[in-house]
Structure formats: structure tokens, C-alpha cells
N, C-alpha and C. Protein backbone atom coordinates (compact mmCIF):
# COMPACT_ATOMS: atom_id res chain seq x y z
N MET A 1 103.14 -69.53 21.30
CA MET A 1 103.10 -70.41 20.16
C MET A 1 101.65 -70.76 19.89
N SER A 2 101.31 -70.85 18.65
CA SER A 2 99.91 -71.14 18.29
C SER A 2 99.62 -72.63 18.45
N ASP A 3 98.34 -72.95 18.48
CA ASP A 3 97.92 -74.34 18.65
C ASP A 3 98.08 -75.16 17.38
N ASP A 4 98.26 -74.51 16.25
CA ASP A 4 98.34 -75.24 14.99
C ASP A 4 99.78 -75.60 14.61
N ALA A 5 100.74 -75.42 15.49
CA ALA A 5 102.12 -75.80 15.21
C ALA A 5 102.25 -77.32 15.29
N HIS A 6 102.95 -77.89 14.32
CA HIS A 6 103.09 -79.34 14.27
C HIS A 6 104.57 -79.70 14.18
N LEU A 7 104.90 -80.82 14.76
CA LEU A 7 106.26 -81.35 14.71
C LEU A 7 106.16 -82.80 14.27
N GLN A 8 106.93 -83.15 13.25
CA GLN A 8 106.85 -84.50 12.72
C GLN A 8 108.24 -85.12 12.75
N VAL A 9 108.34 -86.31 13.30
CA VAL A 9 109.58 -87.07 13.31
C VAL A 9 109.62 -87.88 12.01
N VAL A 10 110.64 -87.64 11.19
CA VAL A 10 110.71 -88.31 9.89
C VAL A 10 111.65 -89.51 9.90
N ARG A 11 112.50 -89.61 10.91
CA ARG A 11 113.43 -90.74 10.95
C ARG A 11 113.75 -91.07 12.40
N GLY A 12 113.84 -92.33 12.72
CA GLY A 12 114.19 -92.76 14.06
C GLY A 12 112.97 -92.87 14.96
N THR A 13 113.23 -93.29 16.19
CA THR A 13 112.15 -93.43 17.17
C THR A 13 112.59 -92.77 18.47
N PRO A 14 112.41 -91.46 18.59
CA PRO A 14 112.83 -90.79 19.82
C PRO A 14 111.90 -91.13 20.98
N ASP A 15 112.49 -91.19 22.16
CA ASP A 15 111.65 -91.44 23.34
C ASP A 15 111.12 -90.11 23.87
N ASP A 16 110.37 -90.17 24.96
CA ASP A 16 109.73 -88.98 25.50
C ASP A 16 110.75 -87.93 25.96
N VAL A 17 111.87 -88.35 26.50
CA VAL A 17 112.89 -87.42 26.98
C VAL A 17 113.54 -86.69 25.81
N GLU A 18 113.82 -87.39 24.73
CA GLU A 18 114.41 -86.76 23.56
C GLU A 18 113.46 -85.76 22.91
N LEU A 19 112.18 -86.11 22.84
CA LEU A 19 111.20 -85.17 22.29
C LEU A 19 111.04 -83.95 23.18
N ALA A 20 111.06 -84.14 24.49
CA ALA A 20 110.95 -83.01 25.40
C ALA A 20 112.15 -82.08 25.26
N ALA A 21 113.34 -82.65 25.08
CA ALA A 21 114.54 -81.83 24.89
C ALA A 21 114.46 -81.07 23.58
N LEU A 22 113.94 -81.69 22.55
CA LEU A 22 113.80 -81.02 21.25
C LEU A 22 112.81 -79.86 21.35
N VAL A 23 111.68 -80.07 21.97
CA VAL A 23 110.68 -79.02 22.10
C VAL A 23 111.21 -77.88 22.96
N ALA A 24 111.90 -78.22 24.04
CA ALA A 24 112.48 -77.17 24.89
C ALA A 24 113.51 -76.35 24.13
N GLY A 25 114.31 -77.01 23.29
CA GLY A 25 115.29 -76.29 22.49
C GLY A 25 114.65 -75.37 21.46
N ILE A 26 113.59 -75.85 20.84
CA ILE A 26 112.89 -75.02 19.85
C ILE A 26 112.24 -73.82 20.53
N LEU A 27 111.60 -74.03 21.68
CA LEU A 27 110.98 -72.92 22.40
C LEU A 27 112.02 -71.92 22.88
N ALA A 28 113.18 -72.39 23.31
CA ALA A 28 114.23 -71.48 23.76
C ALA A 28 114.79 -70.67 22.59
N ALA A 29 114.89 -71.29 21.44
CA ALA A 29 115.43 -70.59 20.26
C ALA A 29 114.47 -69.54 19.73
N THR A 30 113.18 -69.75 19.92
CA THR A 30 112.20 -68.81 19.40
C THR A 30 111.70 -67.81 20.43
N SER A 31 112.24 -67.86 21.64
CA SER A 31 111.78 -66.91 22.67
C SER A 31 112.23 -65.50 22.30
N SER A 32 111.45 -64.53 22.73
CA SER A 32 111.74 -63.14 22.36
C SER A 32 112.65 -62.43 23.37
N THR A 33 112.93 -63.06 24.48
CA THR A 33 113.81 -62.42 25.46
C THR A 33 115.26 -62.68 25.10
N PRO A 34 116.09 -61.65 25.11
CA PRO A 34 117.50 -61.85 24.75
C PRO A 34 118.24 -62.61 25.85
N ALA A 35 119.25 -63.32 25.45
CA ALA A 35 120.08 -64.06 26.41
C ALA A 35 120.91 -63.07 27.22
N PRO A 36 121.13 -63.36 28.49
CA PRO A 36 121.95 -62.45 29.30
C PRO A 36 123.40 -62.45 28.83
N ASP A 37 124.03 -61.30 28.94
CA ASP A 37 125.43 -61.18 28.54
C ASP A 37 126.30 -61.74 29.64
N LEU A 38 126.94 -62.87 29.37
CA LEU A 38 127.73 -63.55 30.38
C LEU A 38 129.20 -63.15 30.36
N ALA A 39 129.58 -62.31 29.41
CA ALA A 39 130.98 -61.90 29.32
C ALA A 39 131.31 -60.97 30.48
N ALA A 40 132.36 -61.30 31.18
CA ALA A 40 132.78 -60.46 32.30
C ALA A 40 133.43 -59.19 31.76
N PRO A 41 133.25 -58.08 32.44
CA PRO A 41 133.91 -56.86 31.97
C PRO A 41 135.43 -57.02 32.05
N ALA A 42 136.09 -56.47 31.07
CA ALA A 42 137.55 -56.60 31.00
C ALA A 42 138.20 -55.78 32.10
N SER A 43 139.25 -56.30 32.64
CA SER A 43 140.00 -55.61 33.67
C SER A 43 140.76 -54.42 33.06
N ALA A 44 140.96 -53.39 33.85
CA ALA A 44 141.73 -52.25 33.37
C ALA A 44 143.17 -52.66 33.06
N TRP A 45 143.65 -53.68 33.74
CA TRP A 45 145.02 -54.14 33.49
C TRP A 45 145.13 -54.84 32.14
N ALA A 46 144.04 -55.41 31.66
CA ALA A 46 144.05 -56.11 30.37
C ALA A 46 143.73 -55.18 29.21
N ASP A 47 143.43 -53.93 29.49
CA ASP A 47 143.07 -52.98 28.44
C ASP A 47 144.32 -52.59 27.64
N ARG A 48 144.32 -52.92 26.35
CA ARG A 48 145.50 -52.66 25.51
C ARG A 48 145.72 -51.18 25.26
N ARG A 49 144.72 -50.36 25.48
CA ARG A 49 144.88 -48.92 25.25
C ARG A 49 145.87 -48.31 26.23
N ARG A 50 146.12 -48.97 27.33
CA ARG A 50 147.09 -48.45 28.29
C ARG A 50 148.50 -48.45 27.72
N GLN A 51 148.77 -49.31 26.74
CA GLN A 51 150.10 -49.43 26.18
C GLN A 51 150.38 -48.43 25.06
N LEU A 52 149.37 -47.71 24.64
CA LEU A 52 149.55 -46.75 23.56
C LEU A 52 150.02 -45.40 24.10
N ARG A 53 150.60 -44.63 23.23
CA ARG A 53 151.00 -43.29 23.64
C ARG A 53 149.78 -42.45 23.96
N PRO A 54 149.89 -41.58 24.94
CA PRO A 54 148.75 -40.70 25.21
C PRO A 54 148.59 -39.71 24.06
N GLN A 55 147.39 -39.29 23.82
CA GLN A 55 147.14 -38.33 22.75
C GLN A 55 146.86 -36.99 23.36
N PRO A 56 147.48 -35.94 23.02
CA PRO A 56 148.62 -35.86 22.11
C PRO A 56 149.91 -36.33 22.77
N ALA A 57 150.88 -36.68 21.96
CA ALA A 57 152.16 -37.15 22.48
C ALA A 57 152.84 -36.05 23.27
N PRO A 58 153.57 -36.42 24.30
CA PRO A 58 154.23 -35.39 25.12
C PRO A 58 155.28 -34.62 24.32
N ALA A 59 155.43 -33.37 24.64
CA ALA A 59 156.42 -32.53 23.97
C ALA A 59 157.82 -32.93 24.41
N PRO A 60 158.81 -32.75 23.53
CA PRO A 60 160.18 -33.05 23.93
C PRO A 60 160.57 -32.22 25.16
N GLY A 61 161.28 -32.86 26.05
CA GLY A 61 161.70 -32.16 27.26
C GLY A 61 162.35 -33.13 28.22
N ALA A 62 162.35 -32.75 29.49
CA ALA A 62 163.05 -33.53 30.52
C ALA A 62 162.44 -34.93 30.70
N ASP A 63 161.14 -35.08 30.48
CA ASP A 63 160.50 -36.38 30.67
C ASP A 63 160.32 -37.17 29.37
N ALA A 64 160.88 -36.72 28.27
CA ALA A 64 160.69 -37.39 26.99
C ALA A 64 161.30 -38.78 26.99
N TRP A 65 162.35 -39.01 27.78
CA TRP A 65 162.99 -40.33 27.82
C TRP A 65 162.03 -41.39 28.35
N ARG A 66 161.08 -40.99 29.18
CA ARG A 66 160.13 -41.97 29.75
C ARG A 66 159.29 -42.63 28.65
N TRP A 67 159.04 -41.89 27.56
CA TRP A 67 158.21 -42.39 26.48
C TRP A 67 159.02 -42.97 25.32
N SER A 68 160.35 -43.00 25.44
CA SER A 68 161.17 -43.46 24.32
C SER A 68 160.99 -44.95 24.03
N LEU A 69 160.67 -45.73 25.01
CA LEU A 69 160.48 -47.17 24.79
C LEU A 69 159.07 -47.51 24.35
N ARG A 70 158.18 -46.56 24.31
CA ARG A 70 156.78 -46.81 23.96
C ARG A 70 156.47 -46.39 22.55
N GLY A 71 157.39 -46.36 21.68
CA GLY A 71 157.10 -45.87 20.34
C GLY A 71 157.12 -46.90 19.36
């Protein structure tokens, strides 16, 4: 951040802790490092693609009944 950056309080009387929190928030918002991805990888059991028919669909035959409820 450059030395000529200015911050002006236009309303209220913030104390030192409130100003420090504001400056820390502004610096965090303008930082160039991306935030870490906190999303956990999805479980294979939660993957909805498991419920779809395999591609290509199985040919009619002795095991076709196994896929009859998945259509």
C-alpha cells in the first residue's frame, strides 16, 4: 500500500480497536493472495453420478432386470 492512502471517518467516533479492525479488513480485502479453498472434497458416496445409468446402457439380456429400477 502506498504512503499517500488516506482514511477519513465521516460519522461517529470509533475507538482504536474499531479503527484497527477496519484497517485489517481493508488490507485483507485488497491482498493479492487468494483465500484457501476450505470446501472439503465430496465423498464418493455423495456423488450423484453413481445413481445414473452407465454409458452406454447395458444391452438387453440376463442382467437387464438389475437396471430396471434405475430408469
